[in-house]
Amino acid sequence: MNGQLLALALKKQRLQLNSEAQRAEWVACAAAVKPLCAGVDRLREAGGWLRRHPELLVGGVVVLAVARPRTVFRWLRRSFVAFRFVRRLNGWLA
């Protein structure tokens, strides 16, 4: 019985060491993705800020529409096509 307990304790220790090594490897791999995640977080914060202040976005579009109407209408058309595509894609996936 004592030999079995010793074998189980050794197996447990080996598993813990393996787990620690895997954890360290995962942290090293995740460090490469950290800047990307930080960039995505900044974009989400900017989107939240724009949702809280839509008047600034509308004002910017109006200024651009007055200054360069062709460019604004081209981008509005592209945005509308992309919006419809995403809506359709969501419908197909649902």
C-alpha atoms as a PDB file:
ATOM      1  CA  MET A   1       0.000   0.000   0.000  1.00  0.00           C
ATOM      2  CA  ASN A   2       2.797   2.391   0.829  1.00  0.00           C
ATOM      3  CA  GLY A   3       4.367   1.785  -2.593  1.00  0.00           C
ATOM      4  CA  GLN A   4       1.088   2.618  -4.294  1.00  0.00           C
ATOM      5  CA  LEU A   5       0.767   5.871  -2.370  1.00  0.00           C
ATOM      6  CA  LEU A   6       4.322   6.790  -3.295  1.00  0.00           C
ATOM      7  CA  ALA A   7       3.642   5.995  -6.983  1.00  0.00           C
ATOM      8  CA  LEU A   8       0.466   8.096  -6.926  1.00  0.00           C
ATOM      9  CA  ALA A   9       2.291  10.981  -5.244  1.00  0.00           C
ATOM     10  CA  LEU A  10       5.030  10.830  -7.901  1.00  0.00           C
ATOM     11  CA  LYS A  11       2.463  10.719 -10.689  1.00  0.00           C
ATOM     12  CA  LYS A  12       0.645  13.693  -9.170  1.00  0.00           C
ATOM     13  CA  GLN A  13       3.908  15.627  -8.936  1.00  0.00           C
ATOM     14  CA  ARG A  14       4.775  14.866 -12.582  1.00  0.00           C
ATOM     15  CA  LEU A  15       1.316  15.997 -13.707  1.00  0.00           C
ATOM     16  CA  GLN A  16       1.674  19.213 -11.725  1.00  0.00           C
ATOM     17  CA  LEU A  17       5.081  19.889 -13.276  1.00  0.00           C
ATOM     18  CA  ASN A  18       3.710  19.208 -16.765  1.00  0.00           C
ATOM     19  CA  SER A  19       0.779  21.480 -16.063  1.00  0.00           C
ATOM     20  CA  GLU A  20       3.097  24.253 -14.889  1.00  0.00           C
ATOM     21  CA  ALA A  21       5.235  23.908 -18.029  1.00  0.00           C
ATOM     22  CA  GLN A  22       2.181  24.007 -20.278  1.00  0.00           C
ATOM     23  CA  ARG A  23       0.873  27.065 -18.454  1.00  0.00           C
ATOM     24  CA  ALA A  24       4.188  28.865 -18.938  1.00  0.00           C
ATOM     25  CA  GLU A  25       4.204  27.932 -22.638  1.00  0.00           C
ATOM     26  CA  TRP A  26       0.645  29.208 -23.054  1.00  0.00           C
ATOM     27  CA  VAL A  27       1.538  32.516 -21.405  1.00  0.00           C
ATOM     28  CA  ALA A  28       4.512  32.903 -23.763  1.00  0.00           C
ATOM     29  CA  CYS A  29       2.315  32.220 -26.795  1.00  0.00           C
ATOM     30  CA  ALA A  30      -0.413  34.561 -25.566  1.00  0.00           C
ATOM     31  CA  ALA A  31       2.111  37.385 -25.162  1.00  0.00           C
ATOM     32  CA  ALA A  32       2.359  37.589 -28.953  1.00  0.00           C
ATOM     33  CA  VAL A  33      -1.394  38.202 -29.216  1.00  0.00           C
ATOM     34  CA  LYS A  34      -1.534  40.809 -26.443  1.00  0.00           C
ATOM     35  CA  PRO A  35      -0.939  43.864 -28.701  1.00  0.00           C
ATOM     36  CA  LEU A  36      -3.699  42.710 -31.044  1.00  0.00           C
ATOM     37  CA  CYS A  37      -6.108  42.351 -28.133  1.00  0.00           C
ATOM     38  CA  ALA A  38      -5.145  45.812 -26.874  1.00  0.00           C
ATOM     39  CA  GLY A  39      -5.892  47.262 -30.318  1.00  0.00           C
ATOM     40  CA  VAL A  40      -9.286  45.568 -30.419  1.00  0.00           C
ATOM     41  CA  ASP A  41     -10.061  46.931 -26.954  1.00  0.00           C
ATOM     42  CA  ARG A  42      -9.199  50.454 -28.116  1.00  0.00           C
ATOM     43  CA  LEU A  43     -11.482  50.055 -31.144  1.00  0.00           C
ATOM     44  CA  ARG A  44     -14.339  48.865 -28.937  1.00  0.00           C
ATOM     45  CA  GLU A  45     -13.845  51.842 -26.625  1.00  0.00           C
ATOM     46  CA  ALA A  46     -13.866  54.199 -29.621  1.00  0.00           C
ATOM     47  CA  GLY A  47     -17.084  52.586 -30.859  1.00  0.00           C
ATOM     48  CA  GLY A  48     -18.673  53.043 -27.440  1.00  0.00           C
ATOM     49  CA  TRP A  49     -17.602  56.668 -27.394  1.00  0.00           C
ATOM     50  CA  LEU A  50     -19.143  57.205 -30.844  1.00  0.00           C
ATOM     51  CA  ARG A  51     -22.380  55.586 -29.654  1.00  0.00           C
ATOM     52  CA  ARG A  52     -22.494  58.018 -26.750  1.00  0.00           C
ATOM     53  CA  HIS A  53     -21.721  61.016 -29.032  1.00  0.00           C
ATOM     54  CA  PRO A  54     -23.449  60.365 -32.377  1.00  0.00           C
ATOM     55  CA  GLU A  55     -23.859  64.068 -33.058  1.00  0.00           C
ATOM     56  CA  LEU A  56     -20.124  64.390 -33.702  1.00  0.00           C
ATOM     57  CA  LEU A  57     -20.216  61.586 -36.251  1.00  0.00           C
ATOM     58  CA  VAL A  58     -23.212  63.095 -38.022  1.00  0.00           C
ATOM     59  CA  GLY A  59     -21.570  66.520 -37.967  1.00  0.00           C
ATOM     60  CA  GLY A  60     -18.418  65.087 -39.527  1.00  0.00           C
ATOM     61  CA  VAL A  61     -20.397  63.387 -42.276  1.00  0.00           C
ATOM     62  CA  VAL A  62     -22.290  66.619 -42.997  1.00  0.00           C
ATOM     63  CA  VAL A  63     -19.036  68.577 -43.240  1.00  0.00           C
ATOM     64  CA  LEU A  64     -17.601  65.982 -45.603  1.00  0.00           C
ATOM     65  CA  ALA A  65     -20.816  65.940 -47.642  1.00  0.00           C
ATOM     66  CA  VAL A  66     -20.574  69.673 -48.145  1.00  0.00           C
ATOM     67  CA  ALA A  67     -16.845  69.604 -48.901  1.00  0.00           C
ATOM     68  CA  ARG A  68     -16.672  66.446 -51.035  1.00  0.00           C
ATOM     69  CA  PRO A  69     -20.151  65.110 -51.829  1.00  0.00           C
ATOM     70  CA  ARG A  70     -19.031  62.541 -54.398  1.00  0.00           C
ATOM     71  CA  THR A  71     -16.657  60.866 -51.974  1.00  0.00           C
ATOM     72  CA  VAL A  72     -19.251  60.782 -49.196  1.00  0.00           C
ATOM     73  CA  PHE A  73     -21.926  59.263 -51.416  1.00  0.00           C
ATOM     74  CA  ARG A  74     -19.481  56.665 -52.705  1.00  0.00           C
ATOM     75  CA  TRP A  75     -18.625  55.613 -49.138  1.00  0.00           C
ATOM     76  CA  LEU A  76     -22.278  55.657 -48.111  1.00  0.00           C
ATOM     77  CA  ARG A  77     -23.105  53.335 -51.006  1.00  0.00           C
ATOM     78  CA  ARG A  78     -20.256  50.988 -50.047  1.00  0.00           C
ATOM     79  CA  SER A  79     -21.338  51.038 -46.400  1.00  0.00           C
ATOM     80  CA  PHE A  80     -24.915  50.254 -47.351  1.00  0.00           C
ATOM     81  CA  VAL A  81     -23.847  47.314 -49.516  1.00  0.00           C
ATOM     82  CA  ALA A  82     -21.637  45.987 -46.709  1.00  0.00           C
ATOM     83  CA  PHE A  83     -24.494  46.426 -44.210  1.00  0.00           C
ATOM     84  CA  ARG A  84     -26.909  44.482 -46.430  1.00  0.00           C
ATOM     85  CA  PHE A  85     -24.318  41.751 -46.946  1.00  0.00           C
ATOM     86  CA  VAL A  86     -23.792  41.347 -43.197  1.00  0.00           C
ATOM     87  CA  ARG A  87     -27.541  41.268 -42.569  1.00  0.00           C
ATOM     88  CA  ARG A  88     -27.982  38.580 -45.231  1.00  0.00           C
ATOM     89  CA  LEU A  89     -25.063  36.603 -43.891  1.00  0.00           C
ATOM     90  CA  ASN A  90     -26.560  36.711 -40.382  1.00  0.00           C
ATOM     91  CA  GLY A  91     -29.856  35.512 -41.819  1.00  0.00           C
ATOM     92  CA  TRP A  92     -28.194  32.591 -43.566  1.00  0.00           C
ATOM     93  CA  LEU A  93     -26.234  31.633 -40.465  1.00  0.00           C
ATOM     94  CA  ALA A  94     -29.301  31.777 -38.233  1.00  0.00           C
END
